[in-house]
Amino acid sequence: MPEKVKFSVSLDAELGKALRQFAAAEDEQISSVISRALEQYLDDRRLIRAGLRAMADYEREYGPFSEEEMAEADARVAGLFGQPGEERRTA
């Protein structure tokens, strides 16, 4: 079993209430819900950063993306997620 580390965090009251309700409805400990959510968040962030690095590498080798390429990428993202990614060009 992995070693556990205790943290103290503060949440918005409404978010805390929603977290408690969700954990109770799922018959889970709050720490389990938070751990899973944080793992997913960190995995998502790693994937985003890897994508941004790949884009930067591509642009260094081939030059900046054209407006047409960016519009096509935005359209693909919108098709997948409903709206273009806000973090597309930030590191």
Protein backbone atom coordinates (compact mmCIF):
# COMPACT_ATOMS: atom_id res chain seq x y z
CA MET A 1 0.00 0.00 0.00
CA PRO A 2 1.43 3.41 -0.94
CA GLU A 3 2.58 5.74 1.80
CA LYS A 4 0.00 8.36 2.73
CA VAL A 5 0.70 12.07 3.18
CA LYS A 6 -1.69 14.37 5.01
CA PHE A 7 -2.52 17.80 3.59
CA SER A 8 -4.68 20.60 4.85
CA VAL A 9 -6.58 22.52 2.19
CA SER A 10 -9.29 25.15 2.14
CA LEU A 11 -12.21 24.91 -0.28
CA ASP A 12 -15.05 27.18 -1.22
CA ALA A 13 -18.00 26.29 1.03
CA GLU A 14 -20.20 25.23 -1.89
CA LEU A 15 -17.45 23.04 -3.36
CA GLY A 16 -16.90 21.43 0.03
CA LYS A 17 -20.61 20.74 0.35
CA ALA A 18 -20.73 19.23 -3.13
CA LEU A 19 -17.67 17.09 -2.35
CA ARG A 20 -19.23 15.74 0.84
CA GLN A 21 -22.49 14.98 -0.96
CA PHE A 22 -20.73 13.25 -3.83
CA ALA A 23 -18.54 11.15 -1.51
CA ALA A 24 -21.56 10.12 0.54
CA ALA A 25 -23.59 9.23 -2.56
CA GLU A 26 -20.68 7.10 -3.83
CA ASP A 27 -20.14 5.60 -0.35
CA GLU A 28 -16.50 6.72 -0.46
CA GLN A 29 -14.13 8.63 1.74
CA ILE A 30 -13.58 12.25 0.74
CA SER A 31 -9.83 11.60 0.52
CA SER A 32 -10.44 8.85 -2.07
CA VAL A 33 -12.56 11.15 -4.22
CA ILE A 34 -9.97 13.93 -3.99
CA SER A 35 -7.08 11.55 -4.74
CA ARG A 36 -8.76 10.25 -7.92
CA ALA A 37 -9.67 13.76 -9.05
CA LEU A 38 -6.15 15.03 -8.42
CA GLU A 39 -4.59 12.07 -10.26
CA GLN A 40 -6.81 12.81 -13.27
CA TYR A 41 -6.01 16.52 -13.11
CA LEU A 42 -2.27 15.89 -12.97
CA ASP A 43 -2.45 13.35 -15.82
CA ASP A 44 -4.39 15.89 -17.91
CA ARG A 45 -1.85 18.62 -17.14
CA ARG A 46 1.06 16.33 -18.11
CA LEU A 47 -0.66 15.53 -21.39
CA ILE A 48 -1.31 19.21 -22.10
CA ARG A 49 2.31 20.11 -21.36
CA ALA A 50 3.58 17.29 -23.59
CA GLY A 51 1.34 18.54 -26.40
CA LEU A 52 2.54 22.11 -25.96
CA ARG A 53 6.17 20.93 -26.05
CA ALA A 54 5.46 18.95 -29.23
CA MET A 55 3.88 22.03 -30.81
CA ALA A 56 6.87 24.18 -29.85
CA ASP A 57 9.28 21.57 -31.25
CA TYR A 58 7.32 21.42 -34.49
CA GLU A 59 7.29 25.21 -34.81
CA ARG A 60 11.04 25.40 -34.15
CA GLU A 61 11.65 22.93 -36.95
CA TYR A 62 9.01 24.01 -39.49
CA GLY A 63 8.05 27.55 -38.49
CA PRO A 64 4.91 28.93 -36.86
CA PHE A 65 1.53 27.40 -37.51
CA SER A 66 -0.47 29.31 -40.10
CA GLU A 67 -3.78 30.96 -39.25
CA GLU A 68 -5.47 28.29 -41.37
CA GLU A 69 -3.78 25.51 -39.39
CA MET A 70 -4.76 27.17 -36.11
CA ALA A 71 -8.37 27.56 -37.28
CA GLU A 72 -8.45 23.89 -38.28
CA ALA A 73 -7.05 22.88 -34.89
CA ASP A 74 -9.62 25.05 -33.09
CA ALA A 75 -12.40 23.44 -35.12
CA ARG A 76 -11.15 19.97 -34.21
CA VAL A 77 -10.98 20.85 -30.54
CA ALA A 78 -14.46 22.36 -30.69
CA GLY A 79 -15.72 19.17 -32.29
CA LEU A 80 -14.19 17.06 -29.54
CA PHE A 81 -14.83 19.23 -26.50
CA GLY A 82 -17.36 21.83 -27.51
CA GLN A 83 -14.93 24.78 -27.51
CA PRO A 84 -11.30 25.51 -28.34
CA GLY A 85 -8.75 24.77 -25.59
CA GLU A 86 -7.91 27.83 -23.54
CA GLU A 87 -4.43 26.58 -22.73
CA ARG A 88 -3.33 25.94 -26.30
CA ARG A 89 -0.29 28.20 -26.40
CA THR A 90 0.72 28.56 -22.78
CA ALA A 91 3.46 26.62 -21.06
